[in-house]
């Protein structure tokens, strides 16, 4: 399962190096040189982890980190900064960061820290394997196949699929999905974030995403997973 990472830094060279190296390690990487553009990415391509520079042209990284932590309580955040004082590190961690990496840094160390942070993402409980039409889920192996072909899902997409399977046949609201998958407070774009995740999931498991047979939209109610 490929994790999606959003790197936010005003240094184009750092973004270029980070993107190239993380992609070599199998990550999908979006980059932004400012917070305004980063917010658009958060809504349209929600990441599994954020790399956040402390000093941005349109915002203070510490303040942004606090806001991100309120809005995305389960999403790992790694601060990137040239400030190496212990007090700066403590301030960053107290602002909600999961880790604090000082520039310049070795790529292998950054990758190791990313892996460590991603391990804390919630893992669904073990369930019996299921087969619904051509869709099969092996929960022990965390493997999803469609018509015999393995499908790579991000951890968030996998958690969302597991949630739908656990509630198949039920109409579930976006608010219910938010509380169970993101477990965070309501923000300006939750509906958009959820819809984008479902759109991505449909593209991966549905034969015809425009006419889904698994994840069905229930007007005025939310979504229902076919039983």
Protein backbone atom coordinates (compact mmCIF):
# COMPACT_ATOMS: atom_id res chain seq x y z
CA UNK A 1 0.00 0.00 0.00
CA UNK A 2 1.51 3.30 -1.11
CA UNK A 3 1.39 6.09 1.44
CA UNK A 4 0.72 9.61 0.24
CA UNK A 5 2.90 12.35 1.72
CA UNK A 6 2.50 16.12 1.53
CA UNK A 7 5.75 18.09 1.85
CA UNK A 8 5.35 21.81 2.59
CA UNK A 9 8.51 23.92 2.38
CA UNK A 10 9.37 27.27 0.80
CA UNK A 11 12.71 25.89 -0.42
CA UNK A 12 12.23 24.50 -3.95
CA UNK A 13 15.52 22.59 -3.82
CA UNK A 14 14.58 20.78 -0.62
CA UNK A 15 11.17 19.88 -2.04
CA UNK A 16 12.79 18.53 -5.20
CA UNK A 17 15.22 16.33 -3.27
CA UNK A 18 12.59 15.11 -0.79
CA UNK A 19 10.10 14.27 -3.54
CA UNK A 20 12.65 12.39 -5.66
CA UNK A 21 14.02 10.35 -2.77
CA UNK A 22 10.67 9.51 -1.18
CA UNK A 23 9.30 8.39 -4.53
CA UNK A 24 12.28 6.05 -4.83
CA UNK A 25 11.09 4.49 -1.56
CA UNK A 26 7.61 3.94 -2.96
CA UNK A 27 5.78 6.95 -1.55
CA UNK A 28 3.39 9.17 -3.48
CA UNK A 29 4.49 12.75 -2.87
CA UNK A 30 2.74 16.09 -3.29
CA UNK A 31 4.67 19.30 -2.65
CA UNK A 32 3.77 22.89 -1.86
CA UNK A 33 5.85 26.01 -1.33
CA UNK A 34 3.22 27.74 0.80
CA UNK A 35 0.36 26.98 3.16
CA UNK A 36 -2.39 28.31 0.91
CA UNK A 37 -1.58 25.81 -1.84
CA UNK A 38 -1.06 23.07 0.74
CA UNK A 39 -4.63 23.49 1.97
CA UNK A 40 -5.92 22.84 -1.55
CA UNK A 41 -3.92 19.61 -1.66
CA UNK A 42 -5.22 18.59 1.77
CA UNK A 43 -8.75 18.86 0.43
CA UNK A 44 -8.23 17.31 -3.00
CA UNK A 45 -5.55 14.69 -2.26
CA UNK A 46 -5.62 14.01 1.49
CA UNK A 47 -2.20 12.73 2.61
CA UNK A 48 -1.30 10.05 5.14
CA UNK A 49 1.52 12.19 6.56
CA UNK A 50 2.66 15.82 6.35
CA UNK A 51 6.22 17.14 6.28
CA UNK A 52 5.92 20.74 7.45
CA UNK A 53 8.52 23.50 7.38
CA UNK A 54 8.51 25.74 10.44
CA UNK A 55 8.91 28.96 8.45
CA UNK A 56 6.55 29.49 5.52
CA UNK A 57 5.91 32.71 3.57
CA UNK A 58 2.22 32.78 4.50
CA UNK A 59 2.12 31.24 7.95
CA UNK A 60 3.99 30.10 11.04
CA UNK A 61 4.64 26.37 10.95
CA UNK A 62 3.98 25.95 14.66
CA UNK A 63 0.55 27.59 14.40
CA UNK A 64 -0.23 25.57 11.29
CA UNK A 65 0.81 22.39 13.08
CA UNK A 66 -1.59 23.12 15.94
CA UNK A 67 -4.44 23.69 13.48
CA UNK A 68 -3.59 20.51 11.58
CA UNK A 69 -3.53 18.51 14.79
CA UNK A 70 -7.02 19.74 15.68
CA UNK A 71 -8.37 19.03 12.22
CA UNK A 72 -6.51 15.78 11.52
CA UNK A 73 -5.77 14.24 14.94
CA UNK A 74 -4.68 10.88 13.52
CA UNK A 75 -2.42 12.18 10.74
CA UNK A 76 1.32 12.12 11.50
CA UNK A 77 3.13 15.46 11.20
CA UNK A 78 6.91 15.83 10.96
CA UNK A 79 8.36 19.32 11.37
CA UNK A 80 11.31 20.29 9.15
CA UNK A 81 13.45 23.18 10.37
CA UNK A 82 16.92 24.64 10.63
CA UNK A 83 16.27 25.50 14.29
CA UNK A 84 18.19 22.97 16.36
CA UNK A 85 17.82 24.27 19.92
CA UNK A 86 16.23 21.92 22.42
CA UNK A 87 13.65 24.59 23.23
CA UNK A 88 12.65 24.76 19.55
CA UNK A 89 12.23 20.99 19.38
CA UNK A 90 10.15 20.95 22.54
CA UNK A 91 7.97 23.77 21.20
CA UNK A 92 7.45 21.87 17.96
CA UNK A 93 6.45 18.66 19.70
CA UNK A 94 4.17 20.56 22.08
CA UNK A 95 2.53 22.16 19.03
CA UNK A 96 1.39 18.71 17.96
CA UNK A 97 4.21 17.39 15.79
CA UNK A 98 4.98 13.68 15.96
CA UNK A 99 8.64 14.25 15.13
CA UNK A 100 11.11 17.08 14.54
CA UNK A 101 13.84 16.82 11.89
CA UNK A 102 16.63 19.39 11.72
CA UNK A 103 17.99 20.58 8.36
CA UNK A 104 20.19 19.51 6.74
CA UNK A 105 19.11 15.90 7.15
CA UNK A 106 19.98 12.55 5.62
CA UNK A 107 17.24 11.14 3.42
CA UNK A 108 17.52 7.67 4.96
CA UNK A 109 16.93 9.14 8.40
CA UNK A 110 13.87 11.02 7.16
CA UNK A 111 12.49 7.85 5.57
CA UNK A 112 13.03 5.93 8.82
CA UNK A 113 11.20 8.61 10.79
CA UNK A 114 8.35 8.61 8.27
CA UNK A 115 8.00 4.84 8.57
CA UNK A 116 7.98 5.06 12.36
CA UNK A 117 5.26 7.72 12.33
CA UNK A 118 3.08 5.81 9.88
CA UNK A 119 3.14 2.71 12.09
CA UNK A 120 0.93 4.48 14.59
CA UNK A 121 -1.95 4.81 12.12
CA UNK A 122 -4.84 2.81 13.48
CA UNK A 123 -5.04 -0.75 12.20
CA UNK A 124 -8.49 -2.35 11.88
CA UNK A 125 -9.19 -5.36 14.08
CA UNK A 126 -8.71 -8.82 12.62
CA UNK A 127 -11.81 -10.04 10.78
CA UNK A 128 -12.83 -13.05 8.77
CA UNK A 129 -11.90 -12.72 5.11
CA UNK A 130 -14.71 -11.55 2.86
CA UNK A 131 -15.62 -12.01 -0.79
CA UNK A 132 -18.27 -9.75 -2.30
CA UNK A 133 -18.63 -10.25 -6.02
CA UNK A 134 -15.14 -9.93 -7.48
CA UNK A 135 -13.89 -8.00 -4.44
CA UNK A 136 -11.92 -10.01 -1.88
CA UNK A 137 -10.27 -8.79 1.30
CA UNK A 138 -7.72 -10.84 3.26
CA UNK A 139 -7.64 -8.99 6.57
CA UNK A 140 -4.74 -10.97 8.02
CA UNK A 141 -2.52 -10.07 5.08
CA UNK A 142 -4.18 -6.67 4.59
CA UNK A 143 -4.55 -7.62 0.93
CA UNK A 144 -7.33 -6.48 -1.40
CA UNK A 145 -8.00 -8.05 -4.79
CA UNK A 146 -10.54 -7.31 -7.49
CA UNK A 147 -11.20 -10.08 -10.02
CA UNK A 148 -7.99 -11.73 -8.89
CA UNK A 149 -5.84 -8.61 -9.33
CA UNK A 150 -4.18 -7.14 -6.26
CA UNK A 151 -5.18 -3.54 -5.53
CA UNK A 152 -2.90 -1.14 -3.64
CA UNK A 153 -4.75 1.06 -1.16
CA UNK A 154 -3.39 3.74 1.12
CA UNK A 155 -3.82 3.01 4.85
CA UNK A 156 -6.69 5.49 5.01
CA UNK A 157 -8.41 3.95 1.98
CA UNK A 158 -7.99 0.50 3.51
CA UNK A 159 -9.48 1.65 6.82
CA UNK A 160 -12.38 3.21 4.93
CA UNK A 161 -13.01 -0.01 2.99
CA UNK A 162 -12.93 -2.04 6.23
CA UNK A 163 -15.42 0.36 7.80
CA UNK A 164 -17.80 0.00 4.86
CA UNK A 165 -17.51 -3.79 4.95
CA UNK A 166 -18.27 -3.82 8.69
CA UNK A 167 -21.40 -1.76 7.97
CA UNK A 168 -22.41 -3.23 4.62
CA UNK A 169 -26.05 -2.81 3.83
CA UNK A 170 -26.29 0.23 6.12
CA UNK A 171 -26.56 3.86 5.03
CA UNK A 172 -23.77 5.73 6.83
CA UNK A 173 -23.46 9.51 6.97
CA UNK A 174 -20.30 11.47 6.31
CA UNK A 175 -20.31 12.49 9.97
CA UNK A 176 -20.33 8.82 11.02
CA UNK A 177 -17.48 8.12 8.63
CA UNK A 178 -15.54 11.09 10.00
CA UNK A 179 -15.94 10.01 13.61
CA UNK A 180 -14.85 6.44 12.88
CA UNK A 181 -12.06 6.97 10.38
CA UNK A 182 -10.62 10.39 11.23
CA UNK A 183 -11.82 10.66 14.83
CA UNK A 184 -11.34 14.41 14.73
CA UNK A 185 -13.26 17.61 15.15
CA UNK A 186 -15.41 18.98 12.36
CA UNK A 187 -13.62 21.33 9.96
CA UNK A 188 -14.39 23.37 6.89
CA UNK A 189 -13.73 20.62 4.37
CA UNK A 190 -14.63 17.28 5.98
CA UNK A 191 -17.31 16.49 3.41
CA UNK A 192 -14.87 17.22 0.60
CA UNK A 193 -12.08 15.18 2.22
CA UNK A 194 -14.38 12.18 2.68
CA UNK A 195 -15.81 12.43 -0.83
CA UNK A 196 -12.32 12.56 -2.32
CA UNK A 197 -11.25 9.45 -0.41
CA UNK A 198 -14.36 7.61 -1.57
CA UNK A 199 -13.77 8.75 -5.13
CA UNK A 200 -10.22 7.37 -5.00
CA UNK A 201 -11.44 4.12 -3.45
CA UNK A 202 -14.09 3.70 -6.12
CA UNK A 203 -11.50 4.21 -8.84
CA UNK A 204 -9.54 1.31 -7.41
CA UNK A 205 -12.25 -1.25 -6.61
CA UNK A 206 -15.11 -0.46 -8.97
CA UNK A 207 -15.21 -1.73 -12.55
CA UNK A 208 -17.09 1.44 -13.50
CA UNK A 209 -16.49 4.16 -10.87
CA UNK A 210 -19.19 6.33 -12.44
CA UNK A 211 -21.74 3.56 -11.80
CA UNK A 212 -20.49 1.91 -8.61
CA UNK A 213 -21.83 -1.42 -7.43
CA UNK A 214 -19.98 -1.53 -4.09
CA UNK A 215 -19.94 1.99 -2.62
CA UNK A 216 -23.34 3.45 -3.42
CA UNK A 217 -24.34 7.07 -2.82
CA UNK A 218 -27.51 7.44 -0.76
CA UNK A 219 -28.95 10.91 -1.49
CA UNK A 220 -29.43 12.91 1.69
CA UNK A 221 -27.93 10.16 3.85
CA UNK A 222 -24.36 9.43 2.79
CA UNK A 223 -23.10 6.12 1.46
CA UNK A 224 -24.01 2.44 1.59
CA UNK A 225 -21.78 -0.54 0.89
CA UNK A 226 -23.61 -3.22 -1.09
CA UNK A 227 -24.33 -6.45 0.77
